[in-house]
Amino acid sequence: MAIASSAPIRVIPVTIRKGESLSEPIDTGNGAPTMLYMSPGWNGQDVISFQVSADGSKFSDLFTAHGIELASEVVRGTAVIIDTHFSSSILWLKVRAGTRGKPIPQDEERMLYLTVAP
């Protein structure tokens, strides 16, 4: 039987500035990112990828143990489930429009929302 946590799920705004493909750094507060709410105005290829950091200043592209970039197909204006198998160990995160090899600069500022579970 699962025991419910008394800590609330947090919602963190995520901004990708106009002309940029990477968001500003997001401090997960030792929580696990669980869902990303996409902007309805998202432009370009409907793919997101991530950078992660242990200290909030030095970021690395996120790859699987098999050397494959962790990228997810997304649909504009929807919510995307984030696999908690990898996200439970993320301390700092950046969301990228596109992939490492093909980043997609946004033509307007994009506001996304990230839910983080305790």
Protein backbone atom coordinates (compact mmCIF):
# COMPACT_ATOMS: atom_id res chain seq x y z
CA MET A 1 0.00 0.00 0.00
CA ALA A 2 1.38 3.42 -0.98
CA ILE A 3 1.59 6.16 1.60
CA ALA A 4 0.65 9.61 0.35
CA SER A 5 3.24 12.32 0.76
CA SER A 6 2.18 15.42 2.64
CA ALA A 7 4.52 17.63 0.60
CA PRO A 8 2.75 19.36 -2.29
CA ILE A 9 3.72 19.09 -5.92
CA ARG A 10 5.38 22.32 -7.01
CA VAL A 11 4.84 24.11 -10.31
CA ILE A 12 7.93 25.91 -11.65
CA PRO A 13 7.74 28.36 -14.57
CA VAL A 14 10.30 27.68 -17.29
CA THR A 15 11.27 30.44 -19.73
CA ILE A 16 12.96 30.08 -23.09
CA ARG A 17 13.84 33.60 -24.23
CA LYS A 18 13.17 34.88 -27.74
CA GLY A 19 15.96 33.77 -30.08
CA GLU A 20 17.16 31.07 -27.66
CA SER A 21 16.68 27.30 -27.66
CA LEU A 22 17.63 26.60 -24.02
CA SER A 23 15.64 27.60 -20.96
CA GLU A 24 17.11 29.33 -17.97
CA PRO A 25 18.39 26.96 -15.22
CA ILE A 26 15.68 25.32 -13.11
CA ASP A 27 16.40 24.33 -9.50
CA THR A 28 14.33 21.20 -8.82
CA GLY A 29 14.88 21.55 -5.05
CA ASN A 30 15.79 17.83 -4.90
CA GLY A 31 12.33 16.96 -6.24
CA ALA A 32 11.63 14.80 -9.28
CA PRO A 33 10.39 16.58 -12.42
CA THR A 34 7.20 14.76 -13.45
CA MET A 35 5.40 16.77 -16.13
CA LEU A 36 6.15 19.57 -18.57
CA TYR A 37 3.33 21.78 -19.85
CA MET A 38 4.16 22.93 -23.37
CA SER A 39 3.53 26.39 -24.79
CA PRO A 40 0.84 26.51 -27.49
CA GLY A 41 3.12 28.84 -29.50
CA TRP A 42 6.08 26.45 -29.59
CA ASN A 43 7.71 26.65 -33.01
CA GLY A 44 9.93 24.41 -35.04
CA GLN A 45 10.44 20.69 -34.66
CA ASP A 46 8.29 19.27 -31.87
CA VAL A 47 11.15 17.76 -29.88
CA ILE A 48 12.62 18.64 -26.51
CA SER A 49 15.89 17.57 -24.95
CA PHE A 50 17.61 18.47 -21.69
CA GLN A 51 20.75 19.63 -19.99
CA VAL A 52 21.44 18.75 -16.35
CA SER A 53 23.77 20.02 -13.65
CA ALA A 54 24.85 19.06 -10.15
CA ASP A 55 25.70 22.64 -9.16
CA GLY A 56 23.54 24.93 -11.33
CA SER A 57 26.47 26.37 -13.27
CA LYS A 58 28.12 23.58 -15.31
CA PHE A 59 25.53 21.87 -17.53
CA SER A 60 25.83 18.67 -19.57
CA ASP A 61 23.56 17.33 -22.30
CA LEU A 62 21.46 14.45 -20.97
CA PHE A 63 22.18 11.06 -22.57
CA THR A 64 21.08 7.52 -21.72
CA ALA A 65 23.49 4.86 -20.46
CA HIS A 66 23.65 3.65 -24.10
CA GLY A 67 24.98 6.96 -25.42
CA ILE A 68 21.69 8.17 -26.91
CA GLU A 69 20.51 11.73 -26.33
CA LEU A 70 17.39 11.77 -24.18
CA ALA A 71 14.88 13.58 -26.38
CA SER A 72 11.09 13.47 -26.37
CA GLU A 73 8.58 14.20 -29.07
CA VAL A 74 6.06 16.78 -27.89
CA VAL A 75 2.82 18.33 -29.07
CA ARG A 76 2.35 22.08 -28.66
CA GLY A 77 -0.08 23.18 -25.98
CA THR A 78 -0.15 19.79 -24.22
CA ALA A 79 1.44 18.22 -21.15
CA VAL A 80 4.35 15.78 -21.46
CA ILE A 81 5.08 13.11 -18.84
CA ILE A 82 8.72 13.03 -17.74
CA ASP A 83 10.07 9.57 -16.94
CA THR A 84 10.82 9.64 -13.20
CA HIS A 85 13.32 6.78 -13.64
CA PHE A 86 15.86 9.37 -14.75
CA SER A 87 14.38 12.56 -13.32
CA SER A 88 14.55 11.58 -9.65
CA SER A 89 18.29 12.33 -9.62
CA ILE A 90 18.17 15.70 -11.41
CA LEU A 91 19.17 18.68 -9.27
CA TRP A 92 19.30 21.40 -11.97
CA LEU A 93 17.71 21.26 -15.40
CA LYS A 94 17.48 23.20 -18.66
CA VAL A 95 14.86 22.42 -21.31
CA ARG A 96 15.97 22.66 -24.94
CA ALA A 97 13.79 23.22 -27.97
CA GLY A 98 15.12 20.64 -30.41
CA THR A 99 18.16 18.46 -29.85
CA ARG A 100 21.85 18.97 -29.13
CA GLY A 101 22.64 18.75 -32.85
CA LYS A 102 19.59 20.71 -34.04
CA PRO A 103 18.51 23.29 -31.46
CA ILE A 104 15.42 25.30 -32.43
CA PRO A 105 15.57 29.00 -31.44
CA GLN A 106 12.12 30.26 -30.47
CA ASP A 107 10.72 33.23 -32.41
CA GLU A 108 9.03 34.56 -29.24
CA GLU A 109 9.58 34.13 -25.52
CA ARG A 110 8.07 30.77 -24.47
CA MET A 111 6.69 30.05 -21.02
CA LEU A 112 6.47 26.38 -20.04
CA TYR A 113 5.57 24.93 -16.64
CA LEU A 114 7.31 22.04 -14.89
CA THR A 115 5.72 20.04 -12.09
CA VAL A 116 8.11 18.66 -9.48
CA ALA A 117 7.10 15.98 -6.99
CA PRO A 118 8.70 15.70 -3.55
